Amino acid sequence: MFLGGVRNFGKFWSEHEPYCCFFFSLIISLILTPIVRRIMLRLDVLSIPTESRWHRSPIALMGGIAIFISFLLSALLGVELKREILVILLGGCAAFALGAWDDIYGTRPKLKFVLQVFIASGVAYSGVVSKILPHSWMNIFLTVFWIVGLMNALNLLDNMDGLSSGITIIAALAIFVLTIQKGKTNTALLCLSLAGSCLGFLRYNFNPAKIFMGDCGSLFLGYMLAVLAVHGGWQSSSSIVVTFLSPVLILGVAIFDTTLVTILRLMKGKMPWQGGRDHSSHRLVHVLHGSERGAVLSLYGLGSITGVLGFTVTRFDSLTAVFITFAMLLGMVILGLRLAKVEDCKSD
């Protein structure tokens, strides 16, 4: 009877693979997140409010454990484990481990950066690399820069309840559409597994958050979005401009926030990795008269627009794609200039 049930489950999974990957990771994440929260509260692993943080009271940390486990289980069950998929998953384990170490023991920014470069380089040299540029060293450099940049971008974006996890869901679904268009089935299933695990976590992370993902979550999500975009998007050089711009648009919100914060902090003589209440989300709260949910939902809306543009530009010629990207970039510059006029915000 047991073996018959397993066979029936396997048959059902194979017939409904995309749905199973998404809903399996969603259900596991919904179950695991409150368990992880209770464990972190018992172990006193908390995010303590400071002058540079937005939240007002101690919140359980390392909810990224639930995201990571639910994603990994779904991927191992539902995705064909080819060499490149195994490289992606091993790199994800390394990114998660780096973030977990930082959550528990703390890591100096320079060492953290070096280890991120090491992880990204290992993935690129193992075959998960851009193929849109004419020389292999250019593709490796682009891949490493992209992975490290997105890991830090999602880490910086994780500054308000539900923001990083929600943006990841939107971006993962956009990359899913992009990869389906390109016939990358395994990569598409990974996207659905990632979206499901984040949606389950978002149930407990949306305002008012009961748990934060921590660096183990944000570094893992940044890594996964970056490599999924590389493996599912940057694999064709038929139109370098369109192929390059598509993932950039999809991940536009994370890139926008990181760029805005980096420029404004450098202008004030601060290092970009220093904490602060000066992100686009914090400034939007001020613009929206104190509505944290409104700020997060506004960035969800922006992410949805850039996500849709990201996979639709692949249907256009290079000139049209550049025009669309330029128009989107101009809109973000105007938004950035508006937000730059808002002073660093307070959470009280």
Protein backbone atom coordinates (compact mmCIF):
# COMPACT_ATOMS: atom_id res chain seq x y z
CA MET A 1 0.00 0.00 0.00
CA PHE A 2 2.81 2.39 0.93
CA LEU A 3 4.70 1.70 -2.31
CA GLY A 4 1.49 2.13 -4.27
CA GLY A 5 0.93 5.49 -2.62
CA VAL A 6 4.47 6.57 -3.46
CA ARG A 7 4.00 5.52 -7.10
CA ASN A 8 0.68 7.41 -7.30
CA PHE A 9 2.31 10.48 -5.75
CA GLY A 10 5.19 10.26 -8.24
CA LYS A 11 2.76 9.97 -11.14
CA PHE A 12 0.72 12.93 -9.90
CA TRP A 13 3.90 15.02 -9.42
CA SER A 14 5.17 14.27 -12.93
CA GLU A 15 1.80 15.20 -14.45
CA HIS A 16 1.48 18.45 -12.49
CA GLU A 17 5.16 19.29 -12.00
CA PRO A 18 5.05 23.12 -12.10
CA TYR A 19 2.13 23.34 -9.67
CA CYS A 20 3.66 20.74 -7.35
CA CYS A 21 7.01 22.56 -7.14
CA PHE A 22 5.27 25.81 -6.24
CA PHE A 23 2.67 24.46 -3.80
CA PHE A 24 5.02 21.96 -2.15
CA SER A 25 7.56 24.67 -1.31
CA LEU A 26 4.71 26.98 -0.25
CA ILE A 27 3.22 24.44 2.16
CA ILE A 28 6.58 23.43 3.63
CA SER A 29 7.48 27.10 4.13
CA LEU A 30 4.14 27.80 5.82
CA ILE A 31 4.78 24.90 8.20
CA LEU A 32 8.46 25.58 8.85
CA THR A 33 8.46 29.35 9.35
CA PRO A 34 6.56 29.41 12.69
CA ILE A 35 8.68 26.46 13.89
CA VAL A 36 11.87 28.34 13.04
CA ARG A 37 10.47 31.42 14.76
CA ARG A 38 9.82 29.52 17.99
CA ILE A 39 13.31 28.02 17.92
CA MET A 40 14.96 31.41 17.31
CA LEU A 41 12.95 33.00 20.14
CA ARG A 42 14.00 30.18 22.47
CA LEU A 43 17.66 30.53 21.43
CA ASP A 44 17.42 34.32 21.74
CA VAL A 45 18.47 34.81 18.09
CA LEU A 46 16.83 38.18 17.58
CA SER A 47 17.13 41.32 15.52
CA ILE A 48 17.51 44.05 18.13
CA PRO A 49 16.30 47.58 17.29
CA THR A 50 19.13 50.07 16.83
CA GLU A 51 19.45 53.60 15.51
CA SER A 52 20.08 52.29 12.00
CA ARG A 53 17.24 49.73 11.97
CA TRP A 54 13.59 50.38 11.19
CA HIS A 55 11.72 48.03 13.53
CA ARG A 56 10.79 49.05 17.07
CA SER A 57 10.95 45.77 19.03
CA PRO A 58 13.09 42.59 19.00
CA ILE A 59 12.06 40.23 16.20
CA ALA A 60 13.05 36.59 15.65
CA LEU A 61 15.82 36.28 13.06
CA MET A 62 17.01 33.66 10.55
CA GLY A 63 13.64 32.94 8.95
CA GLY A 64 15.71 32.32 5.84
CA ILE A 65 16.16 28.79 7.19
CA ALA A 66 12.52 28.04 6.33
CA ILE A 67 12.91 29.58 2.86
CA PHE A 68 16.08 27.62 2.18
CA ILE A 69 14.82 24.22 3.37
CA SER A 70 11.44 24.46 1.62
CA PHE A 71 13.11 25.55 -1.63
CA LEU A 72 15.77 22.85 -1.45
CA LEU A 73 13.29 20.05 -0.74
CA SER A 74 11.07 21.14 -3.62
CA ALA A 75 14.05 21.42 -5.97
CA LEU A 76 15.43 18.00 -5.04
CA LEU A 77 12.03 16.37 -5.51
CA GLY A 78 10.85 18.18 -8.61
CA VAL A 79 13.85 19.18 -10.72
CA GLU A 80 16.06 16.97 -12.88
CA LEU A 81 19.44 17.19 -11.17
CA LYS A 82 21.70 17.87 -14.11
CA ARG A 83 25.23 19.13 -13.56
CA GLU A 84 24.41 22.84 -13.87
CA ILE A 85 21.39 22.49 -11.57
CA LEU A 86 23.61 20.82 -8.94
CA VAL A 87 26.12 23.68 -9.29
CA ILE A 88 23.31 26.20 -8.71
CA LEU A 89 22.07 24.33 -5.64
CA LEU A 90 25.56 23.91 -4.15
CA GLY A 91 26.23 27.60 -4.64
CA GLY A 92 22.92 28.33 -2.93
CA CYS A 93 23.98 26.20 0.03
CA ALA A 94 27.23 28.18 0.25
CA ALA A 95 25.38 31.52 0.09
CA PHE A 96 22.98 30.36 2.80
CA ALA A 97 25.86 29.17 4.99
CA LEU A 98 27.67 32.50 4.61
CA GLY A 99 24.53 34.38 5.63
CA ALA A 100 23.86 32.05 8.57
CA TRP A 101 27.42 32.53 9.85
CA ASP A 102 26.97 36.31 9.59
CA ASP A 103 23.64 36.15 11.46
CA ILE A 104 25.14 34.15 14.33
CA TYR A 105 28.72 35.36 14.61
CA GLY A 106 28.95 38.46 12.42
CA THR A 107 31.31 38.88 9.47
CA ARG A 108 33.49 41.82 8.53
CA PRO A 109 32.23 43.49 5.31
CA LYS A 110 35.51 42.93 3.45
CA LEU A 111 35.67 39.23 4.34
CA LYS A 112 31.98 38.87 3.47
CA PHE A 113 32.65 40.43 0.07
CA VAL A 114 35.65 38.17 -0.60
CA LEU A 115 33.60 35.07 0.25
CA GLN A 116 30.80 36.25 -2.03
CA VAL A 117 33.29 36.64 -4.88
CA PHE A 118 34.63 33.16 -4.12
CA ILE A 119 31.12 31.63 -4.30
CA ALA A 120 30.26 33.50 -7.50
CA SER A 121 33.59 32.58 -9.12
CA GLY A 122 33.12 28.92 -8.26
CA VAL A 123 29.68 28.91 -9.86
CA ALA A 124 30.90 30.72 -12.98
CA TYR A 125 33.92 28.46 -13.45
CA SER A 126 31.67 25.41 -12.96
CA GLY A 127 29.62 26.31 -16.01
CA VAL A 128 26.73 28.49 -14.80
CA VAL A 129 27.95 31.54 -16.66
CA SER A 130 26.75 34.20 -19.07
CA LYS A 131 27.18 33.38 -22.75
CA ILE A 132 26.27 36.72 -24.30
CA LEU A 133 29.72 38.32 -24.59
CA PRO A 134 32.40 37.40 -27.16
CA HIS A 135 35.13 36.30 -24.73
CA SER A 136 34.93 33.80 -21.87
CA TRP A 137 36.76 36.06 -19.40
CA MET A 138 34.20 38.80 -20.08
CA ASN A 139 31.34 36.40 -19.39
CA ILE A 140 32.97 35.19 -16.17
CA PHE A 141 33.54 38.77 -14.99
CA LEU A 142 29.95 39.74 -15.83
CA THR A 143 28.58 36.67 -14.04
CA VAL A 144 30.65 37.21 -10.88
CA PHE A 145 29.81 40.93 -10.80
CA TRP A 146 26.11 40.19 -11.29
CA ILE A 147 25.92 37.48 -8.59
CA VAL A 148 27.85 39.48 -5.99
CA GLY A 149 25.88 42.62 -6.85
CA LEU A 150 22.49 40.89 -6.48
CA MET A 151 23.49 39.18 -3.23
CA ASN A 152 24.27 42.57 -1.73
CA ALA A 153 21.26 44.24 -3.36
CA LEU A 154 18.78 41.80 -1.79
CA ASN A 155 20.66 42.10 1.50
CA LEU A 156 20.25 45.89 1.40
CA LEU A 157 16.63 45.60 0.22
CA ASP A 158 15.73 43.55 3.30
CA ASN A 159 15.04 46.69 5.32
CA MET A 160 11.27 46.65 5.85
CA ASP A 161 8.62 44.03 6.62
CA GLY A 162 7.87 41.86 3.60
CA LEU A 163 9.91 43.87 1.11
CA SER A 164 12.72 41.52 0.12
CA SER A 165 10.57 38.37 0.13
CA GLY A 166 7.79 40.04 -1.87
CA ILE A 167 10.14 41.47 -4.49
CA THR A 168 11.76 38.03 -4.80
CA ILE A 169 8.37 36.42 -5.53
CA ILE A 170 7.66 38.96 -8.28
CA ALA A 171 11.13 38.64 -9.81
CA ALA A 172 11.12 34.82 -9.61
CA LEU A 173 7.78 34.64 -11.42
CA ALA A 174 9.04 37.03 -14.10
CA ILE A 175 12.18 34.92 -14.58
CA PHE A 176 9.90 31.86 -14.71
CA VAL A 177 8.06 33.35 -17.72
CA LEU A 178 11.38 34.30 -19.31
CA THR A 179 12.82 30.79 -18.88
CA ILE A 180 9.65 29.13 -20.19
CA GLN A 181 9.92 31.26 -23.32
CA LYS A 182 13.49 30.01 -23.76
CA GLY A 183 12.62 26.37 -23.06
CA LYS A 184 14.59 26.16 -19.80
CA THR A 185 12.23 23.85 -17.92
CA ASN A 186 14.47 22.99 -14.97
CA THR A 187 15.34 26.62 -14.36
CA ALA A 188 11.64 27.51 -14.56
CA LEU A 189 10.81 24.90 -11.89
CA LEU A 190 13.50 26.36 -9.62
CA CYS A 191 11.86 29.76 -10.05
CA LEU A 192 8.50 28.36 -8.94
CA SER A 193 10.09 26.60 -5.96
CA LEU A 194 11.74 29.86 -4.92
CA ALA A 195 8.51 31.85 -5.32
CA GLY A 196 6.52 29.30 -3.29
CA SER A 197 9.03 29.22 -0.43
CA CYS A 198 9.05 33.04 -0.25
CA LEU A 199 5.26 33.28 -0.38
CA GLY A 200 4.96 30.91 2.59
CA PHE A 201 7.50 32.99 4.50
CA LEU A 202 5.77 36.25 3.53
CA ARG A 203 2.70 35.09 5.50
CA TYR A 204 4.75 35.74 8.66
CA ASN A 205 7.07 38.45 7.34
CA PHE A 206 4.56 40.99 6.01
CA ASN A 207 3.81 43.99 8.20
CA PRO A 208 3.67 43.56 11.15
CA ALA A 209 6.46 40.98 10.79
CA LYS A 210 6.74 38.10 13.24
CA ILE A 211 10.12 36.98 11.88
CA PHE A 212 12.92 38.36 9.70
CA MET A 213 14.83 36.31 7.13
CA GLY A 214 18.27 37.53 8.21
CA ASP A 215 21.37 37.42 6.02
CA CYS A 216 20.93 33.65 5.57
CA GLY A 217 17.75 34.48 3.68
CA SER A 218 18.68 37.66 1.84
CA LEU A 219 22.07 36.44 0.59
CA PHE A 220 20.50 33.17 -0.53
CA LEU A 221 17.65 34.94 -2.35
CA GLY A 222 20.02 37.39 -4.03
CA TYR A 223 22.23 34.53 -5.17
CA MET A 224 19.32 32.47 -6.48
CA LEU A 225 17.75 35.32 -8.43
CA ALA A 226 21.12 36.16 -9.95
CA VAL A 227 21.99 32.62 -11.09
CA LEU A 228 18.46 31.89 -12.30
CA ALA A 229 18.65 35.02 -14.45
CA VAL A 230 22.07 33.96 -15.78
CA HIS A 231 21.07 30.35 -16.45
CA GLY A 232 17.66 31.20 -17.82
CA GLY A 233 18.33 34.50 -19.56
CA TRP A 234 21.96 35.17 -20.40
CA GLN A 235 22.49 32.06 -22.53
CA SER A 236 21.99 33.47 -26.03
CA SER A 237 23.97 36.05 -27.98
CA SER A 238 21.53 36.42 -30.89
CA SER A 239 20.60 39.86 -29.54
CA ILE A 240 23.05 40.87 -26.85
CA VAL A 241 21.23 44.09 -25.96
CA VAL A 242 17.81 42.47 -25.46
CA THR A 243 19.26 39.43 -23.69
CA PHE A 244 21.24 41.61 -21.30
CA LEU A 245 18.47 44.10 -20.53
CA SER A 246 15.76 41.55 -19.73
CA PRO A 247 17.11 40.35 -16.32
CA VAL A 248 18.23 43.89 -15.47
CA LEU A 249 14.66 45.11 -15.88
CA ILE A 250 13.23 42.16 -13.94
CA LEU A 251 15.45 42.96 -10.97
CA GLY A 252 15.06 46.71 -11.39
CA VAL A 253 13.72 47.46 -7.88
CA ALA A 254 16.66 45.86 -6.08
CA ILE A 255 19.12 47.58 -8.44
CA PHE A 256 17.30 50.92 -8.02
CA ASP A 257 17.34 50.79 -4.22
CA THR A 258 21.00 49.75 -4.05
CA THR A 259 22.06 52.44 -6.50
CA LEU A 260 20.10 55.15 -4.67
CA VAL A 261 21.45 54.20 -1.24
CA THR A 262 25.03 53.83 -2.50
CA ILE A 263 25.08 57.24 -4.21
CA LEU A 264 23.47 59.11 -1.32
CA ARG A 265 25.68 57.47 1.32
CA LEU A 266 28.87 58.16 -0.63
CA MET A 267 27.78 61.78 -1.05
CA LYS A 268 27.49 62.01 2.74
CA GLY A 269 30.89 60.38 3.27
CA LYS A 270 29.44 57.07 4.49
CA MET A 271 30.25 53.58 3.27
CA PRO A 272 27.44 51.89 1.28
CA TRP A 273 27.33 48.88 3.62
CA GLN A 274 26.67 51.00 6.71
CA GLY A 275 23.14 50.61 8.02
CA GLY A 276 20.63 53.42 7.90
CA ARG A 277 17.01 54.47 7.51
CA ASP A 278 17.70 56.00 4.11
CA HIS A 279 16.43 53.34 1.69
CA SER A 280 13.80 53.97 -0.95
CA SER A 281 11.23 52.18 1.24
CA HIS A 282 11.96 54.42 4.24
CA ARG A 283 11.71 57.56 2.12
CA LEU A 284 8.45 56.33 0.58
CA VAL A 285 6.98 55.94 4.08
CA HIS A 286 7.59 59.65 4.60
CA VAL A 287 6.09 60.51 1.19
CA LEU A 288 3.04 58.33 1.96
CA HIS A 289 2.51 59.97 5.38
CA GLY A 290 3.74 57.08 7.50
CA SER A 291 2.24 54.10 5.68
CA GLU A 292 4.78 51.24 5.80
CA ARG A 293 2.45 48.88 3.97
CA GLY A 294 1.83 51.54 1.34
CA ALA A 295 5.57 51.93 0.77
CA VAL A 296 6.10 48.17 0.40
CA LEU A 297 3.08 47.74 -1.86
CA SER A 298 4.27 50.65 -4.01
CA LEU A 299 7.60 48.89 -4.53
CA TYR A 300 5.71 45.66 -5.28
CA GLY A 301 3.87 47.61 -7.98
CA LEU A 302 7.10 49.00 -9.39
CA GLY A 303 8.63 45.52 -9.32
CA SER A 304 5.63 44.11 -11.19
CA ILE A 305 5.99 46.75 -13.90
CA THR A 306 9.71 46.14 -14.36
CA GLY A 307 9.13 42.37 -14.21
CA VAL A 308 6.55 42.44 -17.00
CA LEU A 309 8.79 44.70 -19.07
CA GLY A 310 11.68 42.32 -18.44
CA PHE A 311 10.13 39.36 -20.18
CA THR A 312 8.20 41.33 -22.80
CA VAL A 313 11.26 43.16 -24.21
CA THR A 314 12.47 39.79 -25.50
CA ARG A 315 9.73 40.06 -28.12
CA PHE A 316 11.05 43.34 -29.48
CA ASP A 317 14.04 44.37 -31.55
CA SER A 318 17.12 45.89 -29.90
CA LEU A 319 16.17 49.52 -30.62
CA THR A 320 12.70 49.14 -29.09
CA ALA A 321 14.14 47.32 -26.06
CA VAL A 322 16.65 50.13 -25.49
CA PHE A 323 13.88 52.74 -25.80
CA ILE A 324 11.68 50.91 -23.26
CA THR A 325 14.61 50.50 -20.87
CA PHE A 326 15.58 54.16 -21.26
CA ALA A 327 12.01 55.26 -20.51
CA MET A 328 11.95 53.03 -17.41
CA LEU A 329 15.37 54.28 -16.35
CA LEU A 330 14.27 57.90 -16.77
CA GLY A 331 11.22 57.23 -14.61
CA MET A 332 13.40 55.68 -11.90
CA VAL A 333 15.84 58.61 -12.03
CA ILE A 334 12.94 61.03 -11.51
CA LEU A 335 11.66 58.89 -8.62
CA GLY A 336 15.18 58.71 -7.17
CA LEU A 337 15.59 62.50 -7.34
CA ARG A 338 12.25 62.91 -5.60
CA LEU A 339 13.13 60.45 -2.86
CA ALA A 340 16.61 61.93 -2.43
CA LYS A 341 14.99 65.14 -1.18
CA VAL A 342 13.43 63.24 1.73
CA GLU A 343 15.56 63.29 4.84
CA ASP A 344 16.57 60.05 6.58
CA CYS A 345 13.45 58.74 8.24
CA LYS A 346 12.55 57.72 11.77
CA SER A 347 10.48 54.68 12.62
CA ASP A 348 8.67 56.40 15.49
